[in-house]
Amino acid sequence: MLTLNKVHHIAIICSEYAVSKRFYTEILGLTVLQEVYRAERNSYKLDLQLNGQYVIELFSFPDPPRRPSRPEATGLRHLAFAVADVAAAKAILEQQGIAVEPIRTDTHTNRKFTFFSDPDGLPLELYED
């Protein structure tokens, strides 16, 4: 059996680099590890970290095809971030003009959670620690 140590990163392709960069850094608060422009591909690659851990590679490519997310399609369902207080995090997002679904409770863990979307409609979740 293969031995995996941890998830290294999650790669996301965005349609508007500046908009997504602002969303992930200024609204969600991830910090930039490295930003590279790859001229041969007319593409940016932005490495983002959360609390010192490398978590997301944000890519831009010219005219990437759209990927369906609703109704639920095969593939990545959503990306979840742990927070201490879902209601407080929801309020902060809404103050930034981000639409957030009503808070629900996980029937198996009794923890609160909610969903919102990144600028390209990628479903993101806030899950209460």
Foldseek 3Di string as FASTA:
>chain_A
DDDDDDDQEAEEEDADVVQLVCCVCVQVNWDWPDWDQDVVQRKIWTFTHDPPGTYYTYMYGHPDDADDQPPHDPDDNAAEDEDADAVVSCVSCVVVVWDKDDWDADPVPRWIKTWTAGPRRGIYMYTYD
